[in-house]
Protein backbone atom coordinates (compact mmCIF):
# COMPACT_ATOMS: atom_id res chain seq x y z
CA MET A 1 15.69 16.46 -0.96
CA ASN A 2 12.35 14.91 -1.67
CA SER A 3 10.13 13.98 0.88
CA PHE A 4 7.95 10.65 0.59
CA CYS A 5 5.36 9.01 3.10
CA THR A 6 3.98 5.46 2.84
CA LEU A 7 1.77 3.09 5.11
CA PHE A 8 1.99 -0.55 5.91
CA ASP A 9 1.68 -3.16 8.55
CA ALA A 10 3.82 -6.30 9.18
CA ASN A 11 2.02 -7.93 6.19
CA TYR A 12 3.63 -5.48 3.63
CA LEU A 13 6.88 -5.10 5.51
CA SER A 14 9.01 -6.88 3.02
CA ARG A 15 7.46 -5.03 0.29
CA GLY A 16 7.95 -1.86 2.26
CA LEU A 17 11.59 -2.54 2.63
CA VAL A 18 12.10 -3.59 -1.43
CA MET A 19 10.65 0.07 -1.83
CA TYR A 20 12.72 1.64 0.33
CA ARG A 21 15.96 -0.20 -0.90
CA SER A 22 14.79 0.87 -4.67
CA LEU A 23 14.70 4.37 -3.74
CA LEU A 24 18.11 4.14 -2.29
CA ALA A 25 19.66 2.47 -5.34
CA THR A 26 18.31 5.34 -7.75
CA GLY A 27 20.86 7.86 -5.86
CA THR A 28 17.95 10.01 -5.03
CA ASP A 29 18.03 12.74 -2.30
CA PHE A 30 15.10 11.51 0.03
CA HIS A 31 13.65 11.12 3.37
CA LEU A 32 10.73 8.41 3.77
CA TYR A 33 8.32 8.58 6.38
CA VAL A 34 7.00 5.29 7.33
CA TYR A 35 3.57 5.19 8.95
CA ALA A 36 3.59 1.55 10.87
CA PHE A 37 0.09 0.18 10.97
CA ASP A 38 1.28 -2.41 13.73
CA ASP A 39 3.54 -2.37 16.49
CA LEU A 40 5.49 -5.43 15.07
CA CYS A 41 6.16 -3.27 11.87
CA ALA A 42 7.23 -0.44 14.13
CA ASP A 43 9.39 -2.21 16.30
CA ILE A 44 11.55 -4.13 13.44
CA LEU A 45 12.02 -0.72 11.61
CA ARG A 46 12.97 0.88 14.58
CA CYS A 47 15.17 -1.98 15.42
CA MET A 48 16.70 -1.63 12.04
CA ASN A 49 17.42 1.99 12.42
CA LEU A 50 17.47 2.57 8.69
CA PRO A 51 18.92 5.82 7.39
CA ARG A 52 16.63 8.58 5.62
CA MET A 53 13.65 6.87 7.49
CA THR A 54 11.17 8.16 10.14
CA VAL A 55 9.03 5.58 11.61
CA VAL A 56 5.68 6.99 13.00
CA THR A 57 3.43 4.71 15.28
CA LEU A 58 -0.46 4.52 15.04
CA GLN A 59 -0.44 5.88 18.65
CA GLU A 60 1.46 8.94 17.33
CA PHE A 61 -0.76 9.53 14.26
CA GLU A 62 -4.06 8.23 15.04
CA ASP A 63 -6.85 11.18 16.09
CA GLU A 64 -10.21 10.58 17.48
CA ARG A 65 -12.06 11.18 14.02
CA LEU A 66 -10.09 8.27 12.80
CA LEU A 67 -10.73 6.14 15.70
CA VAL A 68 -14.34 6.56 15.04
CA VAL A 69 -14.47 5.29 12.06
CA LYS A 70 -12.04 2.54 12.40
CA ALA A 71 -14.41 -0.12 14.05
CA GLY A 72 -16.52 -0.06 11.11
CA ARG A 73 -13.99 -0.61 8.30
CA SER A 74 -11.95 -3.52 7.18
CA LYS A 75 -8.06 -3.62 7.57
CA VAL A 76 -7.75 -2.13 4.05
CA GLU A 77 -10.50 0.04 3.90
CA TYR A 78 -8.96 1.74 7.35
CA CYS A 79 -5.72 1.94 5.38
CA TRP A 80 -7.23 3.68 2.45
CA THR A 81 -9.27 6.15 4.91
CA CYS A 82 -5.98 6.89 6.64
CA THR A 83 -3.88 7.73 3.20
CA SER A 84 -4.91 11.42 3.00
CA HIS A 85 -4.84 11.88 6.74
CA VAL A 86 -1.14 10.22 6.65
CA ILE A 87 -0.18 12.93 4.04
CA GLY A 88 -1.77 15.77 6.07
CA HIS A 89 0.04 14.40 9.31
CA ALA A 90 3.40 14.32 7.53
CA LEU A 91 3.17 17.89 6.23
CA LYS A 92 1.97 19.28 9.44
CA THR A 93 4.22 17.47 11.91
CA PHE A 94 7.72 17.71 9.84
CA ALA A 95 7.00 21.25 8.58
CA LEU A 96 7.35 19.98 4.94
CA ALA A 97 6.96 22.07 1.88
CA GLU A 98 5.72 19.16 -0.02
CA ILE A 99 5.35 15.41 0.25
CA THR A 100 4.50 12.56 -2.13
CA TYR A 101 2.69 9.60 -0.85
CA LEU A 102 4.11 5.94 -2.12
CA ASP A 103 2.16 2.90 -2.17
CA ALA A 104 4.43 -0.03 -0.41
CA ASP A 105 4.28 -2.29 -3.34
CA LEU A 106 6.34 0.38 -5.81
CA CYS A 107 9.52 -0.35 -7.32
CA PHE A 108 11.80 2.39 -8.46
CA TYR A 109 14.25 1.83 -11.36
CA SER A 110 15.41 5.42 -11.84
CA ASP A 111 15.70 8.76 -9.91
CA PRO A 112 11.90 9.76 -9.24
CA ALA A 113 13.16 13.43 -9.43
CA ALA A 114 12.40 13.29 -13.17
CA LEU A 115 8.53 13.18 -12.09
CA LEU A 116 8.86 15.74 -9.56
CA ASP A 117 10.77 17.74 -11.78
CA GLU A 118 7.77 17.87 -14.48
CA PHE A 119 5.53 18.66 -11.26
CA HIS A 120 7.63 21.57 -10.08
CA ALA A 121 7.96 23.04 -13.72
CA SER A 122 3.99 22.93 -13.89
CA GLY A 123 3.66 25.46 -11.02
CA ALA A 124 1.02 22.91 -9.77
CA SER A 125 0.23 22.12 -6.09
CA VAL A 126 -1.25 18.72 -6.40
CA LEU A 127 0.43 15.78 -8.71
CA LEU A 128 -2.03 13.17 -9.91
CA THR A 129 -0.83 10.02 -11.83
CA GLU A 130 -3.42 8.29 -14.07
CA HIS A 131 -3.90 4.46 -14.34
CA ARG A 132 -3.53 4.49 -17.75
CA TYR A 133 -5.20 1.17 -18.38
CA THR A 134 -4.78 -1.01 -21.18
CA PHE A 135 -7.97 -0.91 -23.29
CA ILE A 136 -8.85 -4.62 -22.20
CA TYR A 137 -8.25 -3.64 -18.46
CA ASN A 138 -10.12 -0.42 -18.39
CA GLN A 139 -11.31 -0.10 -14.89
CA SER A 140 -11.85 3.82 -14.80
CA LYS A 141 -15.35 3.65 -14.21
CA LYS A 142 -15.30 1.56 -10.70
CA SER A 143 -11.71 2.25 -9.71
CA GLY A 144 -11.00 5.68 -10.83
CA VAL A 145 -8.95 7.59 -13.82
CA TYR A 146 -6.17 8.13 -11.05
CA CYS A 147 -4.03 6.03 -9.04
CA ILE A 148 -3.12 6.93 -5.56
CA GLN A 149 0.15 5.15 -5.96
CA PHE A 150 2.24 8.37 -6.49
CA ILE A 151 0.58 11.45 -5.44
CA THR A 152 2.01 14.81 -4.24
CA PHE A 153 0.83 17.82 -2.23
CA ARG A 154 2.65 21.39 -1.84
CA ASN A 155 1.89 22.69 1.69
CA ASP A 156 0.09 25.53 0.17
CA GLN A 157 -3.46 27.07 -0.11
CA ASN A 158 -4.48 24.86 -3.15
CA GLY A 159 -2.56 21.66 -1.88
CA LEU A 160 -4.40 21.88 1.36
CA SER A 161 -7.57 22.50 0.16
CA ALA A 162 -7.62 19.71 -1.99
CA LEU A 163 -6.18 17.43 0.87
CA GLY A 164 -8.66 18.59 3.32
CA TRP A 165 -11.77 18.05 0.93
CA TRP A 166 -10.07 14.19 0.27
CA GLN A 167 -9.89 13.89 4.20
CA GLU A 168 -13.25 14.61 4.68
CA ARG A 169 -14.78 12.57 1.99
CA CYS A 170 -12.91 9.57 3.13
CA LEU A 171 -13.94 10.04 6.64
CA GLU A 172 -17.71 10.03 5.48
CA TRP A 173 -17.33 7.10 3.33
CA CYS A 174 -14.35 4.59 2.04
CA PHE A 175 -15.18 1.34 1.49
CA ALA A 176 -13.80 -1.63 -0.92
CA PHE A 177 -16.84 -1.57 -3.17
CA PHE A 178 -18.34 0.78 -5.77
CA GLU A 179 -21.44 2.69 -4.62
CA ASP A 180 -22.96 6.09 -6.14
CA GLY A 181 -19.99 6.72 -8.10
CA LYS A 182 -17.32 5.92 -5.34
CA PHE A 183 -14.69 3.60 -4.78
CA GLY A 184 -12.52 3.62 -1.53
CA ASP A 185 -10.35 6.86 -1.64
CA GLN A 186 -9.30 6.54 -4.93
CA LYS A 187 -12.59 7.35 -7.05
CA TYR A 188 -12.73 10.88 -5.72
CA LEU A 189 -9.91 12.17 -7.60
CA ASP A 190 -11.56 11.81 -10.94
CA SER A 191 -13.12 15.35 -10.53
CA TRP A 192 -9.88 17.19 -9.05
CA PRO A 193 -8.73 18.46 -12.43
CA GLU A 194 -11.97 20.27 -12.75
CA ARG A 195 -12.69 20.93 -8.88
CA PHE A 196 -9.34 22.14 -7.65
CA PRO A 197 -6.88 24.97 -9.13
CA GLY A 198 -3.47 23.92 -9.57
CA VAL A 199 -3.65 20.13 -10.20
CA HIS A 200 -1.15 18.47 -12.57
CA VAL A 201 -1.54 15.13 -14.21
CA LEU A 202 1.92 13.30 -14.83
CA SER A 203 2.81 12.89 -18.30
CA HIS A 204 6.02 11.08 -18.05
CA ILE A 205 5.14 7.36 -19.04
CA GLY A 206 8.05 6.29 -16.72
CA GLY A 207 6.07 6.94 -13.79
CA GLY A 208 3.10 4.85 -13.62
CA ALA A 209 3.56 1.57 -15.19
CA ALA A 210 1.72 -1.36 -13.56
CA PRO A 211 -0.01 -4.78 -14.69
CA TRP A 212 -3.08 -3.09 -15.95
CA ASN A 213 -1.20 -1.11 -18.56
CA ILE A 214 2.14 -2.93 -19.25
CA GLN A 215 0.78 -4.51 -22.27
CA LYS A 216 0.87 -1.40 -24.33
CA TYR A 217 4.63 -0.70 -23.73
CA THR A 218 7.65 -2.26 -25.03
CA LEU A 219 10.13 -3.03 -21.92
CA GLN A 220 13.66 -3.31 -22.84
CA ASN A 221 17.16 -3.39 -20.67
CA ASP A 222 18.73 -0.70 -22.40
CA GLU A 223 22.74 -0.38 -21.21
CA HIS A 224 21.70 -1.67 -17.78
CA ARG A 225 18.62 0.81 -17.58
CA LEU A 226 15.21 -0.15 -17.93
CA THR A 227 12.99 1.63 -20.31
CA ILE A 228 9.32 1.73 -21.72
CA ASN A 229 8.99 2.75 -24.95
CA ASP A 230 12.25 4.26 -24.83
CA VAL A 231 11.79 6.40 -21.68
CA PRO A 232 13.29 5.44 -18.64
CA LEU A 233 11.27 3.36 -16.14
CA VAL A 234 10.91 5.18 -13.13
CA PHE A 235 8.62 3.09 -11.05
CA TYR A 236 6.54 -0.14 -11.60
CA HIS A 237 3.70 -0.88 -9.20
CA PHE A 238 3.65 -4.49 -8.31
CA HIS A 239 -0.03 -4.73 -7.52
CA GLY A 240 -1.73 -8.10 -6.92
CA TYR A 241 1.38 -9.95 -6.21
CA LYS A 242 1.11 -12.61 -4.03
CA PHE A 243 3.45 -15.07 -2.25
CA TYR A 244 2.63 -18.30 -0.41
CA ARG A 245 4.44 -20.17 2.16
CA ASP A 246 5.16 -23.36 -0.05
CA GLY A 247 7.22 -20.78 -2.46
CA THR A 248 4.66 -20.50 -4.92
CA GLN A 249 4.58 -17.29 -6.59
CA ASN A 250 1.25 -15.19 -7.93
CA LEU A 251 2.18 -12.43 -9.98
CA GLY A 252 -1.65 -11.25 -10.45
CA ASP A 253 -4.60 -11.32 -12.74
CA TYR A 254 -2.93 -9.61 -16.12
CA TRP A 255 -1.63 -10.90 -19.29
CA LEU A 256 2.23 -10.28 -18.87
CA ARG A 257 4.82 -10.71 -21.50
CA SER A 258 7.78 -13.00 -20.87
CA SER A 259 10.03 -10.04 -21.03
CA VAL A 260 8.10 -8.41 -18.35
CA ILE A 261 8.19 -11.24 -16.07
CA ASP A 262 12.06 -11.68 -16.67
CA LEU A 263 13.03 -8.07 -16.28
CA LEU A 264 10.79 -6.92 -13.58
CA TYR A 265 8.99 -9.94 -11.85
CA ARG A 266 12.31 -12.07 -11.25
CA PRO A 267 14.21 -9.52 -9.58
CA TYR A 268 11.33 -8.38 -7.50
CA VAL A 269 10.69 -12.03 -6.20
CA CYS A 270 14.35 -12.17 -5.40
CA ALA A 271 14.50 -8.96 -3.37
CA ILE A 272 11.21 -10.13 -1.68
CA GLN A 273 12.33 -13.24 -0.53
CA SER A 274 15.57 -11.62 0.41
CA ALA A 275 13.53 -9.19 2.53
CA GLN A 276 11.67 -11.88 4.14
CA GLN A 277 14.74 -13.93 5.16
CA GLU A 278 16.28 -10.75 6.71
CA LEU A 279 12.99 -9.77 8.87
CA CYS A 280 12.76 -13.94 9.98
CA SER A 281 16.00 -13.20 11.14
CA LEU A 282 15.54 -10.22 13.07
CA SER A 283 12.35 -11.40 14.91
CA LYS A 284 11.62 -14.86 15.55
CA GLU A 285 7.65 -13.62 15.58
CA PHE A 286 7.99 -12.67 12.41
CA SER A 287 5.61 -14.77 9.77
CA HIS A 288 3.68 -12.17 7.96
CA GLY A 289 3.41 -11.16 4.31
CA TYR A 290 2.00 -14.65 3.31
CA SER A 291 -1.07 -15.13 1.29
CA SER A 292 -3.60 -18.02 1.76
CA TRP A 293 -5.18 -19.71 -1.22
CA ASP A 294 -9.09 -19.17 -1.53
CA THR A 295 -10.78 -22.54 -1.94
CA SER A 296 -13.99 -21.39 -2.72
CA PHE A 297 -15.88 -22.46 -6.04
CA SER A 298 -15.88 -19.03 -7.40
CA ALA A 299 -12.06 -18.77 -6.80
CA ALA A 300 -11.59 -21.86 -8.33
CA PHE A 301 -13.57 -21.14 -11.38
CA SER A 302 -11.61 -17.49 -11.62
CA ARG A 303 -8.63 -19.28 -11.82
CA LEU A 304 -9.82 -21.45 -14.75
CA LYS A 305 -10.77 -18.38 -16.58
CA ARG A 306 -7.53 -16.91 -15.85
CA LYS A 307 -5.67 -19.96 -17.26
CA LEU A 308 -8.08 -19.67 -20.22
CA LYS A 309 -7.40 -16.37 -21.13
CA GLY A 310 -3.28 -16.72 -20.47
CA GLU A 311 -3.64 -14.73 -17.13
CA TYR A 312 -2.65 -17.41 -14.87
CA ASN A 313 0.73 -15.90 -13.71
CA VAL A 314 1.42 -18.83 -10.83
CA TYR A 315 4.66 -20.50 -10.62
CA LYS A 316 6.39 -22.97 -8.25
CA GLN A 317 9.56 -21.46 -8.88
CA LEU A 318 10.29 -18.26 -10.53
């Protein structure tokens, strides 16, 4: 059985549910440890009593060192700070041999065992996935070569050494801007293949498809199975996707082929809408997940540039 962990609050709860159910749909044998970053998220998930899921609250997870830095970081920055600590907490608390952290806005299309089989065959202790940026969207210098989206650690000396180093760096500095070669929790990973023994970089292109690299792949529905460049698509990272109270859908800031919108985004939007409706039926208090329009001049200018470049993926109805 493969062990996964993730973290999110009520604002990402519908995304987290879609990710969890996409894992179920692949038929893989797994258990997901969800670190709920607010009480509403924890209460709803525990009420749902979903199979193959363990919910961990902030009260069960946070320690003194995390609480010391919490006040000085934004909500996003604190989540990034906590990612490595969530991984370490899950390994220790649940006595796991290994665990893979998943971003909540992933969606799975085939068994992630294909990615983990590659990792296990390598004999490594840490698995990294590259951004694999399309040339025109290459942000490696500021955002990093590797993406936190799907990262695995073995509970062994090499895995714990890399994880412990990462935890310390994130406590020292983890902010949503580039400074002195650092950005959030992610830029720290750039040096790992040289810094630590036992680090494997995923080669399977089906793991790591995302809006910043999908332009260089051919996406197809091959006998009811999605493939990219004839390789089974394992997961897609719906980074930048937003939805609004008036029903508007914003697919993000990258150029997307119509086939990508049809095969990936339309079904994902339907799944998110269904999850939102379910959550609203479970809790009258639930009104989370919706984005607000930025009405500033700079935001309006940015939207104009996106329109001119064909990157304005905003739809009243999709």
